[in-house]
Amino acid sequence: MAQRIEMQICLGSSCFSRGNKDVVMFIREYLSKNHLDDKVIFKGARCMGHCSNGPNLNINGVIIEDVALLKIESILEKEFARLI
């Protein structure tokens, strides 16, 4: 079996207040729509320490900052292009 991708989204108060609730919902729908549920471990995380640059997303140890709803689809497409 191929190695699974680990993805965490910051659910700290700063990131959450900047719209991470909508981003979380979008990511869940994206993973399901593209049949990636079994290839990606997606979970929430406590503060990542980059509050002023949030919302933050960690994909396999790489932190992506300023993850807004308008940007998330292109971020996911870039990260998961080889899996789709």
C-alpha atoms as a PDB file:
ATOM      1  CA  MET A   1       0.000   0.000   0.000  1.00  0.00           C
ATOM      2  CA  ALA A   2       1.251   3.471  -0.845  1.00  0.00           C
ATOM      3  CA  GLN A   3       2.242   5.766   1.978  1.00  0.00           C
ATOM      4  CA  ARG A   4      -0.575   7.938   3.225  1.00  0.00           C
ATOM      5  CA  ILE A   5      -0.322  11.703   3.315  1.00  0.00           C
ATOM      6  CA  GLU A   6      -0.774  13.363   6.685  1.00  0.00           C
ATOM      7  CA  MET A   7      -2.521  16.703   6.655  1.00  0.00           C
ATOM      8  CA  GLN A   8      -3.320  18.814   9.701  1.00  0.00           C
ATOM      9  CA  ILE A   9      -5.189  22.075   9.837  1.00  0.00           C
ATOM     10  CA  CYS A  10      -4.672  24.485  12.694  1.00  0.00           C
ATOM     11  CA  LEU A  11      -7.746  24.853  14.854  1.00  0.00           C
ATOM     12  CA  GLY A  12      -6.209  27.413  17.198  1.00  0.00           C
ATOM     13  CA  SER A  13      -8.401  30.394  17.983  1.00  0.00           C
ATOM     14  CA  SER A  14      -6.561  32.796  15.658  1.00  0.00           C
ATOM     15  CA  CYS A  15      -6.739  30.505  12.613  1.00  0.00           C
ATOM     16  CA  PHE A  16     -10.282  29.447  13.440  1.00  0.00           C
ATOM     17  CA  SER A  17     -11.428  33.079  13.657  1.00  0.00           C
ATOM     18  CA  ARG A  18      -9.892  33.705  10.221  1.00  0.00           C
ATOM     19  CA  GLY A  19     -12.157  31.180   8.543  1.00  0.00           C
ATOM     20  CA  ASN A  20     -10.702  27.730   9.065  1.00  0.00           C
ATOM     21  CA  LYS A  21     -14.162  26.267   9.710  1.00  0.00           C
ATOM     22  CA  ASP A  22     -15.095  26.811   6.051  1.00  0.00           C
ATOM     23  CA  VAL A  23     -11.676  25.582   4.894  1.00  0.00           C
ATOM     24  CA  VAL A  24     -12.085  22.368   6.929  1.00  0.00           C
ATOM     25  CA  MET A  25     -15.479  21.735   5.321  1.00  0.00           C
ATOM     26  CA  PHE A  26     -14.055  22.384   1.845  1.00  0.00           C
ATOM     27  CA  ILE A  27     -11.110  20.008   2.426  1.00  0.00           C
ATOM     28  CA  ARG A  28     -13.405  17.222   3.644  1.00  0.00           C
ATOM     29  CA  GLU A  29     -15.606  17.608   0.567  1.00  0.00           C
ATOM     30  CA  TYR A  30     -12.563  17.773  -1.739  1.00  0.00           C
ATOM     31  CA  LEU A  31     -11.062  14.581  -0.306  1.00  0.00           C
ATOM     32  CA  SER A  32     -14.363  12.750  -0.638  1.00  0.00           C
ATOM     33  CA  LYS A  33     -15.121  14.038  -4.154  1.00  0.00           C
ATOM     34  CA  ASN A  34     -11.658  12.988  -5.375  1.00  0.00           C
ATOM     35  CA  HIS A  35     -11.689   9.611  -3.580  1.00  0.00           C
ATOM     36  CA  LEU A  36      -8.709  10.548  -1.409  1.00  0.00           C
ATOM     37  CA  ASP A  37     -10.199   9.586   1.962  1.00  0.00           C
ATOM     38  CA  ASP A  38      -8.121   6.407   2.100  1.00  0.00           C
ATOM     39  CA  LYS A  39      -4.906   8.151   0.972  1.00  0.00           C
ATOM     40  CA  VAL A  40      -4.965  11.237   3.206  1.00  0.00           C
ATOM     41  CA  ILE A  41      -5.095  11.359   6.991  1.00  0.00           C
ATOM     42  CA  PHE A  42      -6.810  14.679   7.708  1.00  0.00           C
ATOM     43  CA  LYS A  43      -7.143  15.991  11.241  1.00  0.00           C
ATOM     44  CA  GLY A  44      -7.173  19.138  13.274  1.00  0.00           C
ATOM     45  CA  ALA A  45      -4.171  20.383  15.214  1.00  0.00           C
ATOM     46  CA  ARG A  46      -3.521  22.751  18.045  1.00  0.00           C
ATOM     47  CA  CYS A  47      -1.728  26.010  17.406  1.00  0.00           C
ATOM     48  CA  MET A  48       1.185  25.686  14.981  1.00  0.00           C
ATOM     49  CA  GLY A  49       2.859  28.864  16.230  1.00  0.00           C
ATOM     50  CA  HIS A  50       2.388  30.877  13.038  1.00  0.00           C
ATOM     51  CA  CYS A  51      -0.697  32.745  14.241  1.00  0.00           C
ATOM     52  CA  SER A  52      -0.033  36.043  12.469  1.00  0.00           C
ATOM     53  CA  ASN A  53       0.258  34.206   9.128  1.00  0.00           C
ATOM     54  CA  GLY A  54      -2.711  31.865   9.531  1.00  0.00           C
ATOM     55  CA  PRO A  55      -4.816  30.029   8.783  1.00  0.00           C
ATOM     56  CA  ASN A  56      -2.178  27.292   8.573  1.00  0.00           C
ATOM     57  CA  LEU A  57      -2.123  23.844   7.020  1.00  0.00           C
ATOM     58  CA  ASN A  58       0.555  21.195   7.554  1.00  0.00           C
ATOM     59  CA  ILE A  59       1.017  18.630   4.788  1.00  0.00           C
ATOM     60  CA  ASN A  60       3.606  15.953   5.591  1.00  0.00           C
ATOM     61  CA  GLY A  61       5.534  18.350   7.830  1.00  0.00           C
ATOM     62  CA  VAL A  62       5.436  21.362   5.492  1.00  0.00           C
ATOM     63  CA  ILE A  63       3.464  24.306   6.862  1.00  0.00           C
ATOM     64  CA  ILE A  64       1.460  26.304   4.331  1.00  0.00           C
ATOM     65  CA  GLU A  65       0.391  29.702   5.660  1.00  0.00           C
ATOM     66  CA  ASP A  66      -2.499  32.012   4.789  1.00  0.00           C
ATOM     67  CA  VAL A  67      -4.770  29.155   3.710  1.00  0.00           C
ATOM     68  CA  ALA A  68      -7.956  30.974   2.744  1.00  0.00           C
ATOM     69  CA  LEU A  69     -11.062  29.497   1.172  1.00  0.00           C
ATOM     70  CA  LEU A  70     -10.190  31.219  -2.128  1.00  0.00           C
ATOM     71  CA  LYS A  71      -6.755  29.533  -2.209  1.00  0.00           C
ATOM     72  CA  ILE A  72      -7.396  26.075  -0.795  1.00  0.00           C
ATOM     73  CA  GLU A  73      -8.526  24.334  -3.980  1.00  0.00           C
ATOM     74  CA  SER A  74      -5.371  25.282  -5.896  1.00  0.00           C
ATOM     75  CA  ILE A  75      -3.221  24.259  -2.905  1.00  0.00           C
ATOM     76  CA  LEU A  76      -4.884  20.840  -2.753  1.00  0.00           C
ATOM     77  CA  GLU A  77      -4.703  20.329  -6.507  1.00  0.00           C
ATOM     78  CA  LYS A  78      -0.980  21.059  -6.459  1.00  0.00           C
ATOM     79  CA  GLU A  79      -0.322  18.787  -3.475  1.00  0.00           C
ATOM     80  CA  PHE A  80      -2.470  15.866  -4.613  1.00  0.00           C
ATOM     81  CA  ALA A  81      -2.038  16.012  -8.408  1.00  0.00           C
ATOM     82  CA  ARG A  82      -0.138  12.724  -8.421  1.00  0.00           C
ATOM     83  CA  LEU A  83      -2.864  10.966  -6.425  1.00  0.00           C
ATOM     84  CA  ILE A  84      -5.897  11.989  -8.469  1.00  0.00           C
END
